[in-house]
N, C-alpha and C. Protein backbone atom coordinates (compact mmCIF):
# COMPACT_ATOMS: atom_id res chain seq x y z
N UNK A 1 -0.40 -21.92 -38.28
CA UNK A 1 0.20 -21.03 -37.32
C UNK A 1 0.06 -21.64 -35.93
N UNK A 2 1.11 -21.56 -35.16
CA UNK A 2 1.13 -22.13 -33.82
C UNK A 2 1.03 -21.00 -32.79
N UNK A 3 0.04 -21.09 -31.93
CA UNK A 3 -0.13 -20.08 -30.87
C UNK A 3 -0.10 -20.78 -29.52
N UNK A 4 0.51 -20.14 -28.56
CA UNK A 4 0.50 -20.71 -27.21
C UNK A 4 0.27 -19.59 -26.20
N UNK A 5 -0.34 -19.97 -25.12
CA UNK A 5 -0.59 -19.03 -24.03
C UNK A 5 0.42 -19.29 -22.92
N UNK A 6 0.73 -18.24 -22.19
CA UNK A 6 1.58 -18.42 -21.02
C UNK A 6 0.75 -19.16 -19.98
N UNK A 7 1.27 -20.26 -19.49
CA UNK A 7 0.48 -21.07 -18.58
C UNK A 7 1.12 -21.23 -17.21
N UNK A 8 2.23 -20.57 -16.97
CA UNK A 8 2.85 -20.71 -15.66
C UNK A 8 3.70 -19.50 -15.33
N UNK A 9 4.12 -19.45 -14.11
CA UNK A 9 5.02 -18.39 -13.65
C UNK A 9 6.16 -19.05 -12.89
N UNK A 10 7.27 -18.38 -12.86
CA UNK A 10 8.44 -18.93 -12.18
C UNK A 10 8.79 -18.02 -11.01
N UNK A 11 9.14 -18.59 -9.90
CA UNK A 11 9.54 -17.81 -8.74
C UNK A 11 10.59 -18.57 -7.96
N UNK A 12 11.12 -17.92 -6.98
CA UNK A 12 12.08 -18.60 -6.11
C UNK A 12 11.67 -18.35 -4.67
N UNK A 13 12.13 -19.21 -3.82
CA UNK A 13 11.85 -19.06 -2.40
C UNK A 13 13.17 -18.85 -1.68
N UNK A 14 13.22 -17.81 -0.84
CA UNK A 14 14.43 -17.56 -0.07
C UNK A 14 14.04 -16.94 1.26
N UNK A 15 14.93 -16.99 2.20
CA UNK A 15 14.67 -16.40 3.50
C UNK A 15 14.65 -14.88 3.37
N UNK A 16 13.73 -14.26 4.08
CA UNK A 16 13.56 -12.82 4.02
C UNK A 16 14.84 -12.10 4.45
N UNK A 17 15.49 -12.59 5.49
CA UNK A 17 16.72 -11.96 5.97
C UNK A 17 17.79 -11.93 4.89
N UNK A 18 17.90 -13.01 4.13
CA UNK A 18 18.88 -13.09 3.04
C UNK A 18 18.54 -12.05 1.96
N UNK A 19 17.26 -11.98 1.60
CA UNK A 19 16.82 -11.03 0.58
C UNK A 19 17.08 -9.59 1.02
N UNK A 20 16.75 -9.29 2.28
CA UNK A 20 16.98 -7.94 2.80
C UNK A 20 18.46 -7.58 2.78
N UNK A 21 19.29 -8.52 3.18
CA UNK A 21 20.75 -8.29 3.17
C UNK A 21 21.23 -7.99 1.77
N UNK A 22 20.77 -8.74 0.78
CA UNK A 22 21.15 -8.53 -0.63
C UNK A 22 20.69 -7.15 -1.11
N UNK A 23 19.49 -6.75 -0.71
CA UNK A 23 18.97 -5.44 -1.11
C UNK A 23 19.85 -4.32 -0.56
N UNK A 24 20.17 -4.38 0.74
CA UNK A 24 20.98 -3.32 1.35
C UNK A 24 22.39 -3.30 0.76
N UNK A 25 22.95 -4.47 0.47
CA UNK A 25 24.27 -4.53 -0.16
C UNK A 25 24.24 -3.86 -1.53
N UNK A 26 23.23 -4.17 -2.32
CA UNK A 26 23.10 -3.59 -3.66
C UNK A 26 22.91 -2.07 -3.58
N UNK A 27 22.13 -1.60 -2.62
CA UNK A 27 21.90 -0.16 -2.51
C UNK A 27 23.18 0.58 -2.09
N UNK A 28 24.02 -0.06 -1.32
CA UNK A 28 25.30 0.57 -0.92
C UNK A 28 26.30 0.58 -2.07
N UNK A 29 26.26 -0.46 -2.90
CA UNK A 29 27.19 -0.52 -4.04
C UNK A 29 26.92 0.61 -5.03
N UNK A 30 25.67 0.96 -5.21
CA UNK A 30 25.32 2.03 -6.14
C UNK A 30 25.97 3.34 -5.70
N UNK A 31 25.96 3.63 -4.42
CA UNK A 31 26.54 4.87 -3.91
C UNK A 31 28.06 4.87 -4.09
N UNK A 32 28.66 3.70 -4.14
CA UNK A 32 30.12 3.61 -4.27
C UNK A 32 30.59 3.77 -5.72
N UNK A 33 29.68 3.62 -6.68
CA UNK A 33 30.05 3.74 -8.10
C UNK A 33 30.15 5.20 -8.51
N UNK A 34 31.15 5.56 -9.23
CA UNK A 34 31.39 6.88 -9.82
C UNK A 34 30.24 7.89 -9.74
N UNK A 35 29.69 8.12 -8.60
CA UNK A 35 28.65 9.13 -8.47
C UNK A 35 27.33 8.76 -9.12
N UNK A 36 27.10 7.47 -9.42
CA UNK A 36 25.83 7.04 -10.03
C UNK A 36 24.66 7.37 -9.11
N UNK A 37 24.87 7.16 -7.83
CA UNK A 37 23.84 7.49 -6.84
C UNK A 37 24.43 8.58 -5.95
N UNK A 38 23.78 9.71 -5.93
CA UNK A 38 24.33 10.83 -5.17
C UNK A 38 24.15 10.67 -3.66
N UNK A 39 23.27 9.76 -3.26
CA UNK A 39 23.00 9.57 -1.84
C UNK A 39 22.73 8.09 -1.58
N UNK A 40 23.04 7.63 -0.39
CA UNK A 40 22.88 6.23 -0.04
C UNK A 40 21.72 6.07 0.94
N UNK A 41 21.15 4.88 0.97
CA UNK A 41 20.08 4.59 1.93
C UNK A 41 20.60 4.61 3.37
N UNK A 42 21.91 4.62 3.55
CA UNK A 42 22.49 4.74 4.89
C UNK A 42 22.35 6.15 5.45
N UNK A 43 22.05 7.11 4.60
CA UNK A 43 21.92 8.51 5.00
C UNK A 43 20.67 8.68 5.86
N UNK A 44 20.82 9.34 7.01
CA UNK A 44 19.70 9.54 7.93
C UNK A 44 18.64 10.50 7.38
N UNK A 45 18.97 11.26 6.34
CA UNK A 45 18.03 12.23 5.79
C UNK A 45 17.01 11.61 4.84
N UNK A 46 17.17 10.32 4.53
CA UNK A 46 16.21 9.64 3.66
C UNK A 46 15.78 8.31 4.27
N UNK A 47 14.63 7.84 3.84
CA UNK A 47 14.15 6.50 4.18
C UNK A 47 13.99 5.74 2.88
N UNK A 48 14.44 4.51 2.87
CA UNK A 48 14.32 3.65 1.69
C UNK A 48 13.40 2.48 2.02
N UNK A 49 12.54 2.17 1.08
CA UNK A 49 11.62 1.04 1.22
C UNK A 49 11.62 0.25 -0.08
N UNK A 50 11.39 -1.04 0.04
CA UNK A 50 11.09 -1.88 -1.10
C UNK A 50 9.67 -2.38 -0.85
N UNK A 51 8.75 -2.03 -1.76
CA UNK A 51 7.35 -2.42 -1.59
C UNK A 51 6.90 -3.25 -2.78
N UNK A 52 5.84 -4.02 -2.59
CA UNK A 52 5.31 -4.80 -3.71
C UNK A 52 4.22 -4.02 -4.43
N UNK A 53 3.66 -4.63 -5.46
CA UNK A 53 2.67 -3.95 -6.30
C UNK A 53 1.34 -3.67 -5.59
N UNK A 54 1.15 -4.21 -4.39
CA UNK A 54 -0.04 -3.92 -3.60
C UNK A 54 0.26 -2.99 -2.43
N UNK A 55 1.49 -2.50 -2.37
CA UNK A 55 1.85 -1.52 -1.35
C UNK A 55 2.30 -2.08 -0.02
N UNK A 56 2.67 -3.34 0.02
CA UNK A 56 3.16 -3.90 1.27
C UNK A 56 4.69 -3.83 1.32
N UNK A 57 5.21 -3.48 2.49
CA UNK A 57 6.65 -3.29 2.67
C UNK A 57 7.35 -4.64 2.74
N UNK A 58 8.33 -4.82 1.86
CA UNK A 58 9.15 -6.03 1.84
C UNK A 58 10.45 -5.78 2.60
N UNK A 59 11.05 -4.62 2.35
CA UNK A 59 12.30 -4.24 3.02
C UNK A 59 12.18 -2.81 3.51
N UNK A 60 12.59 -2.59 4.76
CA UNK A 60 12.65 -1.25 5.35
C UNK A 60 13.78 -1.24 6.36
N UNK A 61 14.29 -0.06 6.63
CA UNK A 61 15.35 0.05 7.64
C UNK A 61 14.84 -0.43 9.00
N UNK A 62 13.60 -0.14 9.32
CA UNK A 62 12.96 -0.61 10.54
C UNK A 62 12.34 -1.97 10.23
N UNK A 63 12.96 -3.04 10.73
CA UNK A 63 12.52 -4.40 10.42
C UNK A 63 11.07 -4.68 10.85
N UNK A 64 10.58 -3.96 11.85
CA UNK A 64 9.20 -4.19 12.31
C UNK A 64 8.17 -3.74 11.27
N UNK A 65 8.59 -2.98 10.26
CA UNK A 65 7.67 -2.54 9.20
C UNK A 65 7.50 -3.58 8.09
N UNK A 66 8.30 -4.63 8.10
CA UNK A 66 8.18 -5.68 7.09
C UNK A 66 6.79 -6.30 7.14
N UNK A 67 6.10 -6.32 6.00
CA UNK A 67 4.76 -6.88 5.92
C UNK A 67 3.65 -5.88 6.21
N UNK A 68 4.02 -4.68 6.64
CA UNK A 68 3.04 -3.64 6.95
C UNK A 68 2.67 -2.92 5.66
N UNK A 69 1.43 -2.47 5.55
CA UNK A 69 1.01 -1.70 4.39
C UNK A 69 1.76 -0.37 4.39
N UNK A 70 2.29 0.03 3.24
CA UNK A 70 3.12 1.23 3.12
C UNK A 70 2.40 2.49 3.61
N UNK A 71 1.10 2.58 3.39
CA UNK A 71 0.33 3.74 3.83
C UNK A 71 0.29 3.90 5.34
N UNK A 72 0.47 2.81 6.08
CA UNK A 72 0.53 2.89 7.54
C UNK A 72 1.80 3.60 7.98
N UNK A 73 2.91 3.34 7.29
CA UNK A 73 4.20 3.92 7.64
C UNK A 73 4.38 5.31 7.05
N UNK A 74 3.91 5.50 5.83
CA UNK A 74 4.11 6.76 5.09
C UNK A 74 2.79 7.21 4.46
N UNK A 75 1.87 7.64 5.30
CA UNK A 75 0.53 8.01 4.83
C UNK A 75 0.51 9.13 3.80
N UNK A 76 1.33 10.15 4.02
CA UNK A 76 1.35 11.30 3.09
C UNK A 76 1.83 10.86 1.71
N UNK A 77 2.86 10.02 1.67
CA UNK A 77 3.40 9.57 0.39
C UNK A 77 2.40 8.65 -0.31
N UNK A 78 1.78 7.73 0.42
CA UNK A 78 0.80 6.83 -0.20
C UNK A 78 -0.39 7.62 -0.74
N UNK A 79 -0.85 8.61 0.00
CA UNK A 79 -1.95 9.45 -0.48
C UNK A 79 -1.58 10.13 -1.79
N UNK A 80 -0.36 10.63 -1.86
CA UNK A 80 0.11 11.31 -3.07
C UNK A 80 0.23 10.32 -4.23
N UNK A 81 0.73 9.12 -3.96
CA UNK A 81 0.85 8.10 -5.02
C UNK A 81 -0.52 7.74 -5.59
N UNK A 82 -1.53 7.69 -4.73
CA UNK A 82 -2.89 7.40 -5.20
C UNK A 82 -3.42 8.58 -6.01
N UNK A 83 -3.23 9.80 -5.51
CA UNK A 83 -3.75 10.97 -6.24
C UNK A 83 -3.04 11.19 -7.57
N UNK A 84 -1.77 10.76 -7.66
CA UNK A 84 -1.01 10.89 -8.91
C UNK A 84 -1.32 9.76 -9.89
N UNK A 85 -2.01 8.72 -9.43
CA UNK A 85 -2.34 7.60 -10.31
C UNK A 85 -1.30 6.50 -10.33
N UNK A 86 -0.27 6.58 -9.49
CA UNK A 86 0.74 5.52 -9.43
C UNK A 86 0.17 4.26 -8.79
N UNK A 87 -0.76 4.45 -7.86
CA UNK A 87 -1.49 3.34 -7.24
C UNK A 87 -2.97 3.64 -7.36
N UNK A 88 -3.76 2.58 -7.56
CA UNK A 88 -5.21 2.71 -7.59
C UNK A 88 -5.77 2.12 -6.31
N UNK A 89 -6.80 2.77 -5.80
CA UNK A 89 -7.50 2.25 -4.64
C UNK A 89 -8.73 1.49 -5.12
N UNK A 90 -8.84 0.26 -4.69
CA UNK A 90 -9.99 -0.58 -5.03
C UNK A 90 -10.71 -0.94 -3.74
N UNK A 91 -12.01 -1.11 -3.81
CA UNK A 91 -12.77 -1.51 -2.63
C UNK A 91 -13.50 -2.80 -2.93
N UNK A 92 -13.39 -3.74 -2.00
CA UNK A 92 -14.08 -5.02 -2.13
C UNK A 92 -15.13 -5.10 -1.04
N UNK A 93 -16.36 -5.42 -1.45
CA UNK A 93 -17.45 -5.53 -0.47
C UNK A 93 -17.51 -6.95 0.06
N UNK A 94 -17.80 -7.05 1.35
CA UNK A 94 -17.92 -8.33 2.02
C UNK A 94 -19.21 -8.32 2.81
N UNK A 95 -20.04 -9.30 2.59
CA UNK A 95 -21.33 -9.38 3.28
C UNK A 95 -21.28 -10.51 4.30
N UNK A 96 -21.81 -10.23 5.48
CA UNK A 96 -21.82 -11.23 6.54
C UNK A 96 -22.96 -10.90 7.50
N UNK A 97 -23.15 -11.76 8.47
CA UNK A 97 -24.12 -11.52 9.53
C UNK A 97 -23.39 -11.60 10.86
N UNK A 98 -23.82 -10.80 11.82
CA UNK A 98 -23.19 -10.84 13.13
C UNK A 98 -24.23 -10.58 14.22
N UNK A 99 -23.83 -10.92 15.45
CA UNK A 99 -24.68 -10.64 16.60
C UNK A 99 -24.26 -9.29 17.17
N UNK A 100 -25.24 -8.50 17.54
CA UNK A 100 -24.92 -7.18 18.11
C UNK A 100 -25.61 -7.00 19.44
N UNK A 101 -24.91 -6.35 20.32
CA UNK A 101 -25.50 -5.97 21.61
C UNK A 101 -25.98 -7.15 22.43
N UNK A 102 -25.31 -8.28 22.36
CA UNK A 102 -25.67 -9.44 23.16
C UNK A 102 -26.95 -10.12 22.72
N UNK A 103 -27.49 -9.74 21.59
CA UNK A 103 -28.73 -10.34 21.10
C UNK A 103 -28.40 -11.58 20.27
N UNK A 104 -29.36 -12.49 20.18
CA UNK A 104 -29.12 -13.72 19.44
C UNK A 104 -29.52 -13.61 17.98
N UNK A 105 -30.28 -12.58 17.63
CA UNK A 105 -30.69 -12.42 16.24
C UNK A 105 -29.52 -11.87 15.41
N UNK A 106 -29.28 -12.50 14.28
CA UNK A 106 -28.20 -12.04 13.41
C UNK A 106 -28.66 -10.85 12.59
N UNK A 107 -27.78 -9.88 12.44
CA UNK A 107 -28.07 -8.69 11.64
C UNK A 107 -27.02 -8.59 10.54
N UNK A 108 -27.40 -8.02 9.39
CA UNK A 108 -26.43 -7.89 8.31
C UNK A 108 -25.27 -6.99 8.72
N UNK A 109 -24.10 -7.38 8.29
CA UNK A 109 -22.89 -6.59 8.57
C UNK A 109 -22.08 -6.55 7.27
N UNK A 110 -22.29 -5.51 6.49
CA UNK A 110 -21.58 -5.36 5.22
C UNK A 110 -20.38 -4.46 5.45
N UNK A 111 -19.24 -4.88 4.92
CA UNK A 111 -18.01 -4.10 5.07
C UNK A 111 -17.35 -3.93 3.71
N UNK A 112 -16.62 -2.84 3.60
CA UNK A 112 -15.86 -2.57 2.39
C UNK A 112 -14.38 -2.61 2.77
N UNK A 113 -13.64 -3.47 2.10
CA UNK A 113 -12.21 -3.61 2.37
C UNK A 113 -11.42 -2.90 1.27
N UNK A 114 -10.61 -1.91 1.67
CA UNK A 114 -9.79 -1.23 0.65
C UNK A 114 -8.62 -2.11 0.23
N UNK A 115 -8.22 -1.98 -1.00
CA UNK A 115 -7.03 -2.66 -1.52
C UNK A 115 -6.37 -1.69 -2.49
N UNK A 116 -5.10 -1.87 -2.70
CA UNK A 116 -4.35 -0.98 -3.57
C UNK A 116 -3.56 -1.80 -4.57
N UNK A 117 -3.44 -1.28 -5.77
CA UNK A 117 -2.67 -1.96 -6.81
C UNK A 117 -1.91 -0.90 -7.60
N UNK A 118 -0.67 -1.25 -7.97
CA UNK A 118 0.17 -0.29 -8.69
C UNK A 118 -0.26 -0.18 -10.14
N UNK A 119 0.01 0.95 -10.72
CA UNK A 119 -0.20 1.18 -12.15
C UNK A 119 1.07 0.72 -12.84
N UNK A 120 1.00 -0.38 -13.55
CA UNK A 120 2.20 -1.03 -14.10
C UNK A 120 2.89 -0.21 -15.19
N UNK A 121 2.22 0.74 -15.80
CA UNK A 121 2.85 1.50 -16.88
C UNK A 121 3.80 2.58 -16.37
N UNK A 122 3.73 2.89 -15.08
CA UNK A 122 4.60 3.92 -14.53
C UNK A 122 5.88 3.28 -14.02
N UNK A 123 6.99 3.62 -14.64
CA UNK A 123 8.29 3.03 -14.27
C UNK A 123 8.98 3.84 -13.17
N UNK A 124 8.81 5.16 -13.20
CA UNK A 124 9.41 6.02 -12.18
C UNK A 124 8.53 7.24 -11.97
N UNK A 125 8.36 7.61 -10.72
CA UNK A 125 7.56 8.79 -10.38
C UNK A 125 8.29 9.58 -9.31
N UNK A 126 8.32 10.88 -9.50
CA UNK A 126 8.89 11.80 -8.51
C UNK A 126 7.77 12.68 -8.03
N UNK A 127 7.72 12.93 -6.73
CA UNK A 127 6.65 13.76 -6.20
C UNK A 127 7.08 14.63 -5.05
N UNK A 128 6.29 15.66 -4.81
CA UNK A 128 6.48 16.56 -3.67
C UNK A 128 5.16 16.70 -2.94
N UNK A 129 5.23 16.76 -1.63
CA UNK A 129 4.04 16.90 -0.80
C UNK A 129 4.19 18.17 0.03
N UNK A 130 3.21 19.06 -0.09
CA UNK A 130 3.21 20.28 0.72
C UNK A 130 2.71 19.95 2.11
N UNK A 131 3.59 20.09 3.08
CA UNK A 131 3.22 19.86 4.48
C UNK A 131 3.06 21.23 5.15
N UNK A 132 2.89 21.24 6.45
CA UNK A 132 2.64 22.50 7.15
C UNK A 132 3.71 23.55 6.90
N UNK A 133 4.97 23.20 7.11
CA UNK A 133 6.03 24.21 7.00
C UNK A 133 7.17 23.77 6.09
N UNK A 134 6.95 22.74 5.29
CA UNK A 134 8.02 22.23 4.44
C UNK A 134 7.44 21.44 3.26
N UNK A 135 8.31 20.99 2.39
CA UNK A 135 7.91 20.17 1.25
C UNK A 135 8.67 18.85 1.33
N UNK A 136 7.93 17.74 1.35
CA UNK A 136 8.53 16.40 1.42
C UNK A 136 8.65 15.87 0.00
N UNK A 137 9.85 15.41 -0.36
CA UNK A 137 10.10 14.86 -1.70
C UNK A 137 10.23 13.35 -1.62
N UNK A 138 9.87 12.69 -2.72
CA UNK A 138 10.04 11.24 -2.79
C UNK A 138 10.20 10.82 -4.24
N UNK A 139 10.72 9.63 -4.42
CA UNK A 139 10.80 9.02 -5.74
C UNK A 139 10.45 7.54 -5.59
N UNK A 140 9.69 7.03 -6.55
CA UNK A 140 9.36 5.60 -6.57
C UNK A 140 9.76 5.09 -7.94
N UNK A 141 10.46 3.96 -7.95
CA UNK A 141 10.94 3.39 -9.21
C UNK A 141 10.69 1.90 -9.22
N UNK A 142 10.16 1.42 -10.34
CA UNK A 142 9.90 -0.01 -10.47
C UNK A 142 11.21 -0.75 -10.65
N UNK A 143 11.33 -1.89 -9.96
CA UNK A 143 12.47 -2.78 -10.14
C UNK A 143 12.17 -3.61 -11.39
N UNK A 144 13.01 -3.53 -12.42
CA UNK A 144 12.72 -4.23 -13.69
C UNK A 144 12.44 -5.73 -13.49
N UNK A 145 11.52 -6.23 -14.28
CA UNK A 145 11.14 -7.65 -14.31
C UNK A 145 10.68 -8.17 -12.96
N UNK A 146 10.01 -7.32 -12.20
CA UNK A 146 9.48 -7.75 -10.90
C UNK A 146 8.20 -6.98 -10.59
N UNK A 147 7.59 -7.33 -9.49
CA UNK A 147 6.42 -6.59 -9.02
C UNK A 147 6.81 -5.67 -7.86
N UNK A 148 8.09 -5.32 -7.78
CA UNK A 148 8.61 -4.53 -6.66
C UNK A 148 8.95 -3.11 -7.08
N UNK A 149 8.87 -2.21 -6.10
CA UNK A 149 9.19 -0.80 -6.30
C UNK A 149 10.12 -0.34 -5.18
N UNK A 150 11.11 0.45 -5.54
CA UNK A 150 11.95 1.09 -4.52
C UNK A 150 11.40 2.49 -4.30
N UNK A 151 11.21 2.84 -3.04
CA UNK A 151 10.71 4.16 -2.68
C UNK A 151 11.76 4.83 -1.79
N UNK A 152 12.16 6.03 -2.17
CA UNK A 152 13.12 6.81 -1.39
C UNK A 152 12.42 8.11 -0.99
N UNK A 153 12.42 8.39 0.32
CA UNK A 153 11.67 9.52 0.86
C UNK A 153 12.58 10.43 1.67
N UNK A 154 12.38 11.72 1.48
CA UNK A 154 13.10 12.75 2.23
C UNK A 154 12.59 12.77 3.67
N UNK A 155 13.50 12.56 4.63
CA UNK A 155 13.12 12.55 6.05
C UNK A 155 13.19 13.92 6.71
N UNK A 156 13.69 14.92 6.01
CA UNK A 156 13.90 16.22 6.65
C UNK A 156 12.61 17.00 6.84
N UNK A 157 11.53 16.54 6.25
CA UNK A 157 10.23 17.22 6.36
C UNK A 157 9.24 16.29 7.05
N UNK A 158 8.60 16.78 8.10
CA UNK A 158 7.62 15.98 8.85
C UNK A 158 6.22 16.24 8.30
N UNK A 159 5.60 15.18 7.79
CA UNK A 159 4.23 15.29 7.26
C UNK A 159 3.26 14.46 8.09
N UNK A 160 3.53 14.31 9.37
CA UNK A 160 2.70 13.46 10.22
C UNK A 160 1.27 13.97 10.36
N UNK A 161 1.03 15.24 10.01
CA UNK A 161 -0.33 15.77 10.09
C UNK A 161 -1.26 15.11 9.07
N UNK A 162 -0.71 14.41 8.08
CA UNK A 162 -1.54 13.71 7.09
C UNK A 162 -2.18 12.46 7.67
N UNK A 163 -1.52 11.80 8.58
CA UNK A 163 -2.03 10.56 9.15
C UNK A 163 -1.83 9.39 8.20
N UNK A 164 -2.05 8.17 8.70
CA UNK A 164 -1.82 6.98 7.88
C UNK A 164 -2.95 6.71 6.88
N UNK A 165 -2.62 5.97 5.84
CA UNK A 165 -3.61 5.41 4.93
C UNK A 165 -3.71 3.95 5.34
N UNK A 166 -4.86 3.53 5.81
CA UNK A 166 -4.98 2.17 6.34
C UNK A 166 -5.78 1.27 5.41
N UNK A 167 -5.72 0.02 5.71
CA UNK A 167 -6.52 -0.97 4.99
C UNK A 167 -7.61 -1.52 5.90
N UNK A 168 -7.94 -0.75 6.93
CA UNK A 168 -8.99 -1.16 7.85
C UNK A 168 -10.33 -1.20 7.12
N UNK A 169 -11.14 -2.22 7.40
CA UNK A 169 -12.45 -2.29 6.73
C UNK A 169 -13.36 -1.17 7.22
N UNK A 170 -14.26 -0.77 6.35
CA UNK A 170 -15.23 0.27 6.67
C UNK A 170 -16.61 -0.37 6.66
N UNK A 171 -17.32 -0.24 7.76
CA UNK A 171 -18.66 -0.82 7.82
C UNK A 171 -19.61 0.03 6.99
N UNK A 172 -20.40 -0.63 6.17
CA UNK A 172 -21.37 0.06 5.32
C UNK A 172 -22.67 0.16 6.10
N UNK A 173 -23.11 1.38 6.31
CA UNK A 173 -24.36 1.61 7.03
C UNK A 173 -25.42 2.03 6.01
N UNK A 174 -26.52 1.32 6.01
CA UNK A 174 -27.60 1.63 5.09
C UNK A 174 -28.65 2.47 5.82
N UNK A 175 -29.14 3.47 5.15
CA UNK A 175 -30.21 4.28 5.71
C UNK A 175 -31.49 3.84 5.01
N UNK A 176 -32.34 3.18 5.77
CA UNK A 176 -33.58 2.66 5.21
C UNK A 176 -34.75 3.48 5.73
N UNK A 177 -35.73 3.62 4.88
CA UNK A 177 -36.96 4.30 5.25
C UNK A 177 -37.86 3.26 5.89
N UNK A 178 -38.16 3.42 7.16
CA UNK A 178 -39.01 2.43 7.83
C UNK A 178 -40.48 2.74 7.52
N UNK A 179 -41.16 1.76 6.95
CA UNK A 179 -42.59 1.90 6.66
C UNK A 179 -43.30 0.77 7.40
N UNK A 180 -44.39 1.11 7.97
CA UNK A 180 -45.17 0.12 8.68
C UNK A 180 -46.06 -0.62 7.68
N UNK A 181 -46.01 -1.92 7.74
CA UNK A 181 -46.83 -2.74 6.85
C UNK A 181 -47.86 -3.47 7.71
N UNK A 182 -49.12 -3.31 7.37
CA UNK A 182 -50.19 -3.99 8.09
C UNK A 182 -50.64 -5.18 7.27
N UNK A 183 -50.77 -6.29 7.94
CA UNK A 183 -51.28 -7.49 7.30
C UNK A 183 -52.74 -7.68 7.69
N UNK A 184 -53.57 -7.91 6.70
CA UNK A 184 -54.98 -8.15 6.95
C UNK A 184 -55.15 -9.64 7.17
N UNK A 185 -55.40 -10.06 8.42
CA UNK A 185 -55.53 -11.47 8.75
C UNK A 185 -56.99 -11.93 8.73
N UNK A 186 -57.93 -11.05 8.42
CA UNK A 186 -59.35 -11.41 8.48
C UNK A 186 -59.80 -12.23 7.28
N UNK A 187 -59.11 -12.20 6.17
CA UNK A 187 -59.60 -12.92 5.01
C UNK A 187 -59.08 -14.29 4.89
């Protein structure tokens, strides 16, 4: 019996502007087909994003959001995706030493860096978020044979009271019990 392992991956390299243009063209074509898509990303009542499996924005109507973590732009939706299990939150610890308060002695500085990863078994998820005076709807769908997801969000409901989900590191503070140790130097 002959067995082989997958030993490589194939990808292509293209300019981001070209990829974004192709994405927007494809999203407009869907709306033009016999009612296949009831609404287009051109509609001001929705926001469309293309994000990767770690939650970073690849395509957005606002070009300045390219490369930004999705939770920074849409904190309420990212929080809901994590609570629904569509994305998992992982924390990576990083240990280092730093100088504090102008002193030359190095002190430990441990930080926890959050990271997010998609749950690959979920192909499409629809969700609603209860905000102060409205309900925000969204849908996330995996792009077949890729690590990308299309996210469409209802803009008619403001959920800014949720705040962003960031990837800022969190400093780990240890609470130690200080005990005085006496050394007997007489012996």
